[in-house]
Amino acid sequence: MTRLTPATEADIAEVSRQLGRPARDIVAIAARCICGKPTVVHTAPRLADGTPFPTTYYLTHRGATAAVSTLEASGFMAGLQARLAEEPDLAAAYQAAHEAYIADRDKTAHELSLDVPEIAGISAGGMPSRVKCLHALIGHSLAAGPGVNPIGDLALAACSWSPTKCVCESH
């Protein structure tokens, strides 16, 4: 279960600064840095302009996104992809993460009275069979907590950034 907190105006301004553009359709903050700044946002499944948006959990923290980009560039995803093929228990847990992600998004869609059939059955990060975007998978792990997304958990453990140590530019 995610640990959502309401997004304040200060949160929206910080996320916009982190992204370098105006933040869009944030429903809540799904994870925070140890200093309290947003790390992962929970985004509406349909943007205000009508665009379907399947990426419910979006990693915004600059230190985290830079470290995850470096991890992706290292070839780490290929190793995780191979493990999915070799480890049935890991693949089953990843399938469950996919289902949990969709359930979270569907709950938000229901709460916001949104119908988004275009993204039915689609989660993020390549789930349930591919490892495509560690930013999305780590975002899900940070939002849902350890044990929900095993690939996100493995990537977070291998990442040079940690949610337990603040590397924000300013406090």
N, C-alpha and C. Protein backbone atom coordinates (compact mmCIF):
# COMPACT_ATOMS: atom_id res chain seq x y z
N MET A 1 0.84 -1.19 0.00
CA MET A 1 0.00 0.00 0.00
C MET A 1 0.88 1.24 0.00
N THR A 2 0.53 2.18 -0.82
CA THR A 2 1.32 3.40 -0.93
C THR A 2 1.09 4.31 0.28
N ARG A 3 2.07 5.15 0.50
CA ARG A 3 2.03 6.10 1.61
C ARG A 3 1.88 7.50 1.07
N LEU A 4 0.74 7.79 0.51
CA LEU A 4 0.52 9.09 -0.12
C LEU A 4 0.31 10.18 0.91
N THR A 5 0.85 11.36 0.60
CA THR A 5 0.58 12.55 1.42
C THR A 5 0.11 13.65 0.47
N PRO A 6 -0.76 14.50 0.94
CA PRO A 6 -1.24 15.58 0.07
C PRO A 6 -0.08 16.43 -0.43
N ALA A 7 -0.17 16.86 -1.68
CA ALA A 7 0.83 17.74 -2.27
C ALA A 7 0.46 19.19 -1.93
N THR A 8 1.37 19.88 -1.30
CA THR A 8 1.16 21.29 -0.97
C THR A 8 1.62 22.15 -2.15
N GLU A 9 1.31 23.43 -2.09
CA GLU A 9 1.81 24.36 -3.11
C GLU A 9 3.34 24.35 -3.14
N ALA A 10 3.96 24.27 -1.96
CA ALA A 10 5.42 24.20 -1.90
C ALA A 10 5.94 22.92 -2.56
N ASP A 11 5.22 21.81 -2.38
CA ASP A 11 5.60 20.55 -3.04
C ASP A 11 5.53 20.70 -4.56
N ILE A 12 4.45 21.28 -5.05
CA ILE A 12 4.28 21.45 -6.49
C ILE A 12 5.40 22.34 -7.05
N ALA A 13 5.74 23.40 -6.32
CA ALA A 13 6.83 24.28 -6.76
C ALA A 13 8.16 23.53 -6.76
N GLU A 14 8.39 22.71 -5.74
CA GLU A 14 9.63 21.94 -5.68
C GLU A 14 9.71 20.91 -6.80
N VAL A 15 8.62 20.21 -7.07
CA VAL A 15 8.61 19.23 -8.16
C VAL A 15 8.84 19.94 -9.49
N SER A 16 8.24 21.10 -9.68
CA SER A 16 8.45 21.86 -10.91
C SER A 16 9.92 22.24 -11.04
N ARG A 17 10.55 22.63 -9.95
CA ARG A 17 11.97 22.95 -9.96
C ARG A 17 12.80 21.71 -10.29
N GLN A 18 12.45 20.59 -9.66
CA GLN A 18 13.17 19.34 -9.91
C GLN A 18 13.09 18.94 -11.38
N LEU A 19 11.92 19.08 -11.97
CA LEU A 19 11.69 18.67 -13.35
C LEU A 19 12.18 19.69 -14.38
N GLY A 20 12.30 20.93 -13.95
CA GLY A 20 12.67 21.99 -14.89
C GLY A 20 11.52 22.41 -15.79
N ARG A 21 10.31 22.10 -15.36
CA ARG A 21 9.09 22.46 -16.09
C ARG A 21 7.93 22.42 -15.10
N PRO A 22 6.80 23.01 -15.46
CA PRO A 22 5.66 22.94 -14.54
C PRO A 22 5.21 21.49 -14.31
N ALA A 23 5.00 21.15 -13.06
CA ALA A 23 4.48 19.82 -12.71
C ALA A 23 3.04 19.73 -13.19
N ARG A 24 2.65 18.50 -13.62
CA ARG A 24 1.30 18.31 -14.16
C ARG A 24 0.53 17.28 -13.36
N ASP A 25 -0.67 17.63 -13.00
CA ASP A 25 -1.68 16.70 -12.51
C ASP A 25 -1.21 15.80 -11.37
N ILE A 26 -0.51 16.39 -10.42
CA ILE A 26 -0.05 15.62 -9.25
C ILE A 26 -1.24 15.41 -8.32
N VAL A 27 -1.49 14.16 -8.00
CA VAL A 27 -2.56 13.81 -7.07
C VAL A 27 -2.04 13.88 -5.64
N ALA A 28 -0.80 13.41 -5.43
CA ALA A 28 -0.21 13.38 -4.10
C ALA A 28 1.29 13.17 -4.23
N ILE A 29 1.97 13.26 -3.10
CA ILE A 29 3.38 12.90 -3.03
C ILE A 29 3.43 11.46 -2.52
N ALA A 30 4.08 10.60 -3.29
CA ALA A 30 4.10 9.17 -2.97
C ALA A 30 5.33 8.76 -2.16
N ALA A 31 6.38 9.55 -2.22
CA ALA A 31 7.58 9.30 -1.41
C ALA A 31 8.32 10.62 -1.25
N ARG A 32 8.99 10.75 -0.13
CA ARG A 32 9.72 11.97 0.17
C ARG A 32 11.15 11.65 0.57
N CYS A 33 12.03 12.63 0.32
CA CYS A 33 13.40 12.56 0.80
C CYS A 33 13.35 12.59 2.32
N ILE A 34 14.41 12.16 2.93
CA ILE A 34 14.47 12.18 4.39
C ILE A 34 14.30 13.61 4.94
N CYS A 35 14.63 14.62 4.10
CA CYS A 35 14.46 16.02 4.51
C CYS A 35 13.02 16.52 4.30
N GLY A 36 12.19 15.70 3.66
CA GLY A 36 10.78 16.06 3.47
C GLY A 36 10.41 16.51 2.07
N LYS A 37 11.41 16.76 1.20
CA LYS A 37 11.09 17.19 -0.17
C LYS A 37 10.55 16.02 -0.98
N PRO A 38 9.72 16.31 -1.98
CA PRO A 38 9.18 15.24 -2.82
C PRO A 38 10.28 14.46 -3.55
N THR A 39 10.07 13.15 -3.62
CA THR A 39 10.96 12.27 -4.37
C THR A 39 10.18 11.57 -5.48
N VAL A 40 8.95 11.16 -5.18
CA VAL A 40 8.09 10.48 -6.14
C VAL A 40 6.71 11.12 -6.06
N VAL A 41 6.18 11.47 -7.23
CA VAL A 41 4.81 11.99 -7.26
C VAL A 41 3.86 10.90 -7.72
N HIS A 42 2.63 11.04 -7.31
CA HIS A 42 1.52 10.18 -7.75
C HIS A 42 0.70 11.05 -8.70
N THR A 43 0.67 10.64 -9.96
CA THR A 43 0.06 11.45 -11.00
C THR A 43 -1.29 10.87 -11.42
N ALA A 44 -2.20 11.75 -11.80
CA ALA A 44 -3.51 11.32 -12.28
C ALA A 44 -3.35 10.47 -13.54
N PRO A 45 -4.22 9.47 -13.70
CA PRO A 45 -4.12 8.60 -14.87
C PRO A 45 -4.61 9.24 -16.18
N ARG A 46 -5.20 10.40 -16.08
CA ARG A 46 -5.54 11.19 -17.27
C ARG A 46 -5.17 12.63 -16.94
N LEU A 47 -4.32 13.22 -17.79
CA LEU A 47 -3.89 14.59 -17.56
C LEU A 47 -5.02 15.56 -17.87
N ALA A 48 -4.89 16.77 -17.39
CA ALA A 48 -5.93 17.78 -17.58
C ALA A 48 -6.23 18.04 -19.06
N ASP A 49 -5.24 17.84 -19.93
CA ASP A 49 -5.46 18.05 -21.36
C ASP A 49 -6.11 16.85 -22.04
N GLY A 50 -6.45 15.81 -21.25
CA GLY A 50 -7.12 14.63 -21.77
C GLY A 50 -6.21 13.46 -22.11
N THR A 51 -4.91 13.66 -22.04
CA THR A 51 -3.95 12.62 -22.39
C THR A 51 -3.96 11.51 -21.34
N PRO A 52 -4.09 10.25 -21.76
CA PRO A 52 -3.95 9.14 -20.81
C PRO A 52 -2.52 9.10 -20.30
N PHE A 53 -2.34 8.84 -19.01
CA PHE A 53 -1.00 8.87 -18.41
C PHE A 53 -0.83 7.64 -17.52
N PRO A 54 -0.25 6.57 -18.06
CA PRO A 54 -0.14 5.33 -17.27
C PRO A 54 0.90 5.37 -16.15
N THR A 55 1.84 6.31 -16.20
CA THR A 55 2.92 6.35 -15.21
C THR A 55 2.43 7.00 -13.93
N THR A 56 1.83 6.22 -13.08
CA THR A 56 1.26 6.71 -11.82
C THR A 56 2.33 7.26 -10.89
N TYR A 57 3.43 6.53 -10.74
CA TYR A 57 4.52 6.93 -9.84
C TYR A 57 5.67 7.44 -10.68
N TYR A 58 6.05 8.70 -10.43
CA TYR A 58 7.02 9.39 -11.26
C TYR A 58 8.14 9.90 -10.36
N LEU A 59 9.34 9.41 -10.60
CA LEU A 59 10.52 9.82 -9.83
C LEU A 59 10.94 11.22 -10.25
N THR A 60 11.01 12.16 -9.31
CA THR A 60 11.31 13.54 -9.65
C THR A 60 12.59 14.06 -9.01
N HIS A 61 13.04 13.48 -7.93
CA HIS A 61 14.20 13.96 -7.17
C HIS A 61 15.45 13.94 -8.05
N ARG A 62 16.12 15.07 -8.20
CA ARG A 62 17.25 15.17 -9.12
C ARG A 62 18.38 14.20 -8.78
N GLY A 63 18.73 14.09 -7.52
CA GLY A 63 19.79 13.16 -7.13
C GLY A 63 19.43 11.72 -7.46
N ALA A 64 18.18 11.37 -7.22
CA ALA A 64 17.71 10.02 -7.51
C ALA A 64 17.68 9.76 -9.00
N THR A 65 17.14 10.69 -9.76
CA THR A 65 17.02 10.45 -11.21
C THR A 65 18.40 10.38 -11.86
N ALA A 66 19.34 11.17 -11.41
CA ALA A 66 20.70 11.11 -11.97
C ALA A 66 21.35 9.76 -11.66
N ALA A 67 21.21 9.31 -10.43
CA ALA A 67 21.80 8.02 -10.05
C ALA A 67 21.15 6.86 -10.80
N VAL A 68 19.84 6.93 -10.98
CA VAL A 68 19.12 5.86 -11.69
C VAL A 68 19.51 5.87 -13.18
N SER A 69 19.69 7.04 -13.75
CA SER A 69 20.14 7.12 -15.14
C SER A 69 21.51 6.47 -15.31
N THR A 70 22.39 6.70 -14.36
CA THR A 70 23.72 6.07 -14.40
C THR A 70 23.59 4.56 -14.28
N LEU A 71 22.72 4.09 -13.41
CA LEU A 71 22.50 2.65 -13.26
C LEU A 71 21.95 2.05 -14.55
N GLU A 72 21.01 2.72 -15.17
CA GLU A 72 20.47 2.23 -16.44
C GLU A 72 21.57 2.14 -17.50
N ALA A 73 22.41 3.17 -17.57
CA ALA A 73 23.48 3.21 -18.57
C ALA A 73 24.52 2.12 -18.34
N SER A 74 24.59 1.59 -17.14
CA SER A 74 25.59 0.57 -16.81
C SER A 74 25.25 -0.81 -17.35
N GLY A 75 24.04 -0.98 -17.84
CA GLY A 75 23.61 -2.29 -18.32
C GLY A 75 22.92 -3.13 -17.26
N PHE A 76 22.64 -2.55 -16.12
CA PHE A 76 22.01 -3.27 -15.01
C PHE A 76 20.67 -3.88 -15.40
N MET A 77 19.93 -3.20 -16.25
CA MET A 77 18.60 -3.69 -16.64
C MET A 77 18.69 -5.03 -17.36
N ALA A 78 19.72 -5.23 -18.17
CA ALA A 78 19.86 -6.50 -18.90
C ALA A 78 20.01 -7.67 -17.93
N GLY A 79 20.74 -7.46 -16.86
CA GLY A 79 20.89 -8.50 -15.85
C GLY A 79 19.57 -8.81 -15.15
N LEU A 80 18.80 -7.78 -14.87
CA LEU A 80 17.49 -7.99 -14.25
C LEU A 80 16.55 -8.70 -15.20
N GLN A 81 16.60 -8.33 -16.49
CA GLN A 81 15.77 -8.99 -17.49
C GLN A 81 16.11 -10.48 -17.57
N ALA A 82 17.39 -10.80 -17.54
CA ALA A 82 17.82 -12.20 -17.57
C ALA A 82 17.32 -12.95 -16.34
N ARG A 83 17.36 -12.30 -15.20
CA ARG A 83 16.88 -12.95 -13.97
C ARG A 83 15.39 -13.27 -14.05
N LEU A 84 14.61 -12.40 -14.68
CA LEU A 84 13.17 -12.68 -14.84
C LEU A 84 12.96 -13.98 -15.60
N ALA A 85 13.79 -14.23 -16.59
CA ALA A 85 13.67 -15.45 -17.39
C ALA A 85 14.15 -16.69 -16.64
N GLU A 86 15.07 -16.50 -15.71
CA GLU A 86 15.69 -17.62 -15.01
C GLU A 86 15.07 -17.94 -13.65
N GLU A 87 14.35 -16.98 -13.07
CA GLU A 87 13.84 -17.13 -11.71
C GLU A 87 12.32 -16.98 -11.69
N PRO A 88 11.61 -18.10 -11.72
CA PRO A 88 10.14 -18.03 -11.75
C PRO A 88 9.54 -17.28 -10.56
N ASP A 89 10.12 -17.41 -9.39
CA ASP A 89 9.58 -16.70 -8.22
C ASP A 89 9.71 -15.18 -8.39
N LEU A 90 10.84 -14.74 -8.95
CA LEU A 90 11.03 -13.32 -9.21
C LEU A 90 10.03 -12.83 -10.26
N ALA A 91 9.85 -13.61 -11.31
CA ALA A 91 8.88 -13.25 -12.35
C ALA A 91 7.46 -13.17 -11.79
N ALA A 92 7.11 -14.10 -10.91
CA ALA A 92 5.77 -14.08 -10.30
C ALA A 92 5.59 -12.85 -9.41
N ALA A 93 6.63 -12.50 -8.67
CA ALA A 93 6.56 -11.31 -7.81
C ALA A 93 6.47 -10.04 -8.64
N TYR A 94 7.15 -10.03 -9.78
CA TYR A 94 7.09 -8.88 -10.69
C TYR A 94 5.69 -8.76 -11.31
N GLN A 95 5.07 -9.89 -11.62
CA GLN A 95 3.69 -9.90 -12.10
C GLN A 95 2.76 -9.31 -11.04
N ALA A 96 2.97 -9.69 -9.79
CA ALA A 96 2.16 -9.16 -8.69
C ALA A 96 2.38 -7.65 -8.54
N ALA A 97 3.61 -7.18 -8.76
CA ALA A 97 3.90 -5.74 -8.69
C ALA A 97 3.12 -5.00 -9.78
N HIS A 98 3.10 -5.57 -10.97
CA HIS A 98 2.34 -5.02 -12.09
C HIS A 98 0.86 -4.88 -11.70
N GLU A 99 0.31 -5.92 -11.11
CA GLU A 99 -1.10 -5.90 -10.70
C GLU A 99 -1.34 -4.87 -9.60
N ALA A 100 -0.40 -4.74 -8.65
CA ALA A 100 -0.53 -3.76 -7.58
C ALA A 100 -0.49 -2.33 -8.14
N TYR A 101 0.38 -2.11 -9.10
CA TYR A 101 0.51 -0.81 -9.74
C TYR A 101 -0.81 -0.42 -10.41
N ILE A 102 -1.36 -1.34 -11.18
CA ILE A 102 -2.63 -1.08 -11.86
C ILE A 102 -3.75 -0.85 -10.85
N ALA A 103 -3.76 -1.62 -9.78
CA ALA A 103 -4.79 -1.44 -8.74
C ALA A 103 -4.70 -0.05 -8.12
N ASP A 104 -3.48 0.42 -7.86
CA ASP A 104 -3.31 1.77 -7.31
C ASP A 104 -3.84 2.82 -8.29
N ARG A 105 -3.48 2.67 -9.56
CA ARG A 105 -3.93 3.64 -10.56
C ARG A 105 -5.45 3.59 -10.73
N ASP A 106 -6.01 2.37 -10.75
CA ASP A 106 -7.46 2.24 -10.89
C ASP A 106 -8.18 2.88 -9.71
N LYS A 107 -7.61 2.74 -8.52
CA LYS A 107 -8.21 3.36 -7.33
C LYS A 107 -8.22 4.88 -7.48
N THR A 108 -7.11 5.42 -7.95
CA THR A 108 -7.04 6.87 -8.16
C THR A 108 -8.03 7.31 -9.23
N ALA A 109 -8.11 6.56 -10.33
CA ALA A 109 -9.07 6.90 -11.38
C ALA A 109 -10.48 6.92 -10.83
N HIS A 110 -10.81 5.93 -10.02
CA HIS A 110 -12.14 5.87 -9.41
C HIS A 110 -12.38 7.08 -8.51
N GLU A 111 -11.39 7.40 -7.66
CA GLU A 111 -11.54 8.52 -6.74
C GLU A 111 -11.69 9.85 -7.47
N LEU A 112 -11.06 9.96 -8.64
CA LEU A 112 -11.14 11.19 -9.43
C LEU A 112 -12.25 11.16 -10.47
N SER A 113 -13.04 10.07 -10.47
CA SER A 113 -14.11 9.87 -11.46
C SER A 113 -13.59 9.96 -12.89
N LEU A 114 -12.48 9.28 -13.12
CA LEU A 114 -11.87 9.25 -14.45
C LEU A 114 -12.05 7.88 -15.07
N ASP A 115 -12.30 7.86 -16.35
CA ASP A 115 -12.35 6.62 -17.12
C ASP A 115 -11.19 6.69 -18.11
N VAL A 116 -10.29 5.70 -18.02
CA VAL A 116 -9.09 5.72 -18.87
C VAL A 116 -8.89 4.34 -19.49
N PRO A 117 -9.80 3.93 -20.39
CA PRO A 117 -9.70 2.59 -20.98
C PRO A 117 -8.46 2.41 -21.85
N GLU A 118 -7.88 3.50 -22.34
CA GLU A 118 -6.71 3.40 -23.20
C GLU A 118 -5.50 2.76 -22.52
N ILE A 119 -5.45 2.83 -21.18
CA ILE A 119 -4.29 2.30 -20.46
C ILE A 119 -4.65 1.09 -19.60
N ALA A 120 -5.81 0.53 -19.81
CA ALA A 120 -6.23 -0.66 -19.05
C ALA A 120 -5.20 -1.77 -19.24
N GLY A 121 -4.76 -2.34 -18.15
CA GLY A 121 -3.81 -3.44 -18.20
C GLY A 121 -2.36 -3.04 -18.39
N ILE A 122 -2.10 -1.75 -18.57
CA ILE A 122 -0.73 -1.25 -18.77
C ILE A 122 -0.25 -0.64 -17.46
N SER A 123 0.93 -1.03 -17.03
CA SER A 123 1.50 -0.39 -15.85
C SER A 123 2.66 0.50 -16.28
N ALA A 124 3.87 0.22 -15.83
CA ALA A 124 5.01 1.08 -16.17
C ALA A 124 6.30 0.28 -16.04
N GLY A 125 7.34 0.83 -16.59
CA GLY A 125 8.66 0.24 -16.40
C GLY A 125 8.89 -1.08 -17.11
N GLY A 126 7.95 -1.47 -17.99
CA GLY A 126 8.07 -2.74 -18.68
C GLY A 126 7.34 -3.89 -18.02
N MET A 127 6.78 -3.63 -16.83
CA MET A 127 6.06 -4.70 -16.13
C MET A 127 4.95 -5.24 -17.03
N PRO A 128 4.64 -6.49 -16.98
CA PRO A 128 5.13 -7.51 -16.06
C PRO A 128 6.26 -8.40 -16.62
N SER A 129 6.65 -8.18 -17.88
CA SER A 129 7.59 -9.14 -18.47
C SER A 129 8.93 -8.54 -18.86
N ARG A 130 9.03 -7.23 -18.90
CA ARG A 130 10.28 -6.58 -19.30
C ARG A 130 10.79 -5.64 -18.22
N VAL A 131 12.07 -5.35 -18.27
CA VAL A 131 12.66 -4.33 -17.41
C VAL A 131 13.06 -3.20 -18.34
N LYS A 132 12.26 -2.15 -18.35
CA LYS A 132 12.38 -1.10 -19.36
C LYS A 132 12.79 0.24 -18.77
N CYS A 133 12.34 0.59 -17.58
CA CYS A 133 12.60 1.92 -17.02
C CYS A 133 12.77 1.81 -15.51
N LEU A 134 14.01 1.89 -15.07
CA LEU A 134 14.27 1.79 -13.62
C LEU A 134 13.72 2.98 -12.86
N HIS A 135 13.59 4.13 -13.53
CA HIS A 135 13.00 5.30 -12.86
C HIS A 135 11.58 4.99 -12.39
N ALA A 136 10.79 4.36 -13.25
CA ALA A 136 9.42 4.01 -12.90
C ALA A 136 9.38 2.91 -11.85
N LEU A 137 10.26 1.93 -11.98
CA LEU A 137 10.25 0.79 -11.06
C LEU A 137 10.73 1.18 -9.67
N ILE A 138 11.77 2.01 -9.60
CA ILE A 138 12.21 2.51 -8.29
C ILE A 138 11.16 3.45 -7.71
N GLY A 139 10.54 4.27 -8.56
CA GLY A 139 9.46 5.13 -8.08
C GLY A 139 8.35 4.31 -7.43
N HIS A 140 8.00 3.19 -8.06
CA HIS A 140 6.98 2.31 -7.49
C HIS A 140 7.46 1.72 -6.17
N SER A 141 8.71 1.28 -6.12
CA SER A 141 9.24 0.72 -4.87
C SER A 141 9.23 1.73 -3.74
N LEU A 142 9.63 2.96 -4.04
CA LEU A 142 9.64 4.00 -3.01
C LEU A 142 8.23 4.34 -2.56
N ALA A 143 7.28 4.34 -3.49
CA ALA A 143 5.89 4.66 -3.15
C ALA A 143 5.23 3.54 -2.36
N ALA A 144 5.42 2.31 -2.81
CA ALA A 144 4.72 1.17 -2.21
C ALA A 144 5.45 0.58 -1.01
N GLY A 145 6.74 0.81 -0.91
CA GLY A 145 7.53 0.25 0.18
C GLY A 145 8.18 -1.07 -0.25
N PRO A 146 9.15 -1.51 0.53
CA PRO A 146 9.89 -2.72 0.19
C PRO A 146 8.98 -3.95 0.09
N GLY A 147 9.33 -4.82 -0.86
CA GLY A 147 8.62 -6.08 -0.99
C GLY A 147 7.48 -6.08 -2.00
N VAL A 148 7.10 -4.93 -2.52
CA VAL A 148 6.00 -4.88 -3.48
C VAL A 148 6.52 -5.03 -4.91
N ASN A 149 7.58 -4.32 -5.24
CA ASN A 149 8.15 -4.40 -6.58
C ASN A 149 9.59 -4.92 -6.47
N PRO A 150 9.79 -6.22 -6.71
CA PRO A 150 11.11 -6.79 -6.48
C PRO A 150 12.19 -6.23 -7.40
N ILE A 151 11.85 -5.92 -8.63
CA ILE A 151 12.85 -5.36 -9.55
C ILE A 151 13.20 -3.93 -9.12
N GLY A 152 12.22 -3.16 -8.76
CA GLY A 152 12.48 -1.82 -8.23
C GLY A 152 13.32 -1.88 -6.96
N ASP A 153 13.03 -2.85 -6.09
CA ASP A 153 13.82 -3.00 -4.86
C ASP A 153 15.27 -3.35 -5.17
N LEU A 154 15.49 -4.27 -6.12
CA LEU A 154 16.86 -4.65 -6.49
C LEU A 154 17.61 -3.47 -7.10
N ALA A 155 16.93 -2.72 -7.95
CA ALA A 155 17.55 -1.56 -8.57
C ALA A 155 17.86 -0.48 -7.53
N LEU A 156 16.96 -0.26 -6.61
CA LEU A 156 17.20 0.73 -5.56
C LEU A 156 18.40 0.33 -4.71
N ALA A 157 18.51 -0.95 -4.40
CA ALA A 157 19.65 -1.43 -3.60
C ALA A 157 20.97 -1.25 -4.36
N ALA A 158 20.94 -1.34 -5.67
CA ALA A 158 22.15 -1.22 -6.48
C ALA A 158 22.48 0.23 -6.83
N CYS A 159 21.57 1.12 -6.59
CA CYS A 159 21.69 2.52 -6.97
C CYS A 159 22.66 3.26 -6.03
N SER A 160 23.37 4.25 -6.56
CA SER A 160 24.28 5.04 -5.72
C SER A 160 23.54 6.06 -4.86
N TRP A 161 22.26 6.28 -5.13
CA TRP A 161 21.43 7.19 -4.33
C TRP A 161 20.64 6.38 -3.32
N SER A 162 20.40 6.97 -2.16
CA SER A 162 19.62 6.30 -1.13
C SER A 162 18.57 7.25 -0.56
N PRO A 163 17.37 6.75 -0.33
CA PRO A 163 16.34 7.61 0.27
C PRO A 163 16.63 7.93 1.74
N THR A 164 17.64 7.32 2.32
CA THR A 164 17.95 7.56 3.73
C THR A 164 19.00 8.64 3.94
N LYS A 165 19.54 9.20 2.84
CA LYS A 165 20.55 10.26 2.95
C LYS A 165 20.17 11.40 2.02
N CYS A 166 19.97 12.57 2.56
CA CYS A 166 19.57 13.73 1.77
C CYS A 166 20.75 14.23 0.92
N VAL A 167 20.47 14.42 -0.36
CA VAL A 167 21.42 15.06 -1.28
C VAL A 167 20.74 16.20 -2.02
N CYS A 168 19.70 16.74 -1.42
CA CYS A 168 18.99 17.87 -2.03
C CYS A 168 19.93 19.07 -2.08
N GLU A 169 19.71 19.90 -3.09
CA GLU A 169 20.56 21.07 -3.29
C GLU A 169 20.43 22.06 -2.13
N SER A 170 19.23 22.18 -1.61
CA SER A 170 19.00 23.09 -0.48
C SER A 170 17.92 22.52 0.41
N HIS A 171 17.96 22.87 1.63
CA HIS A 171 16.97 22.36 2.58
C HIS A 171 16.04 23.46 2.91
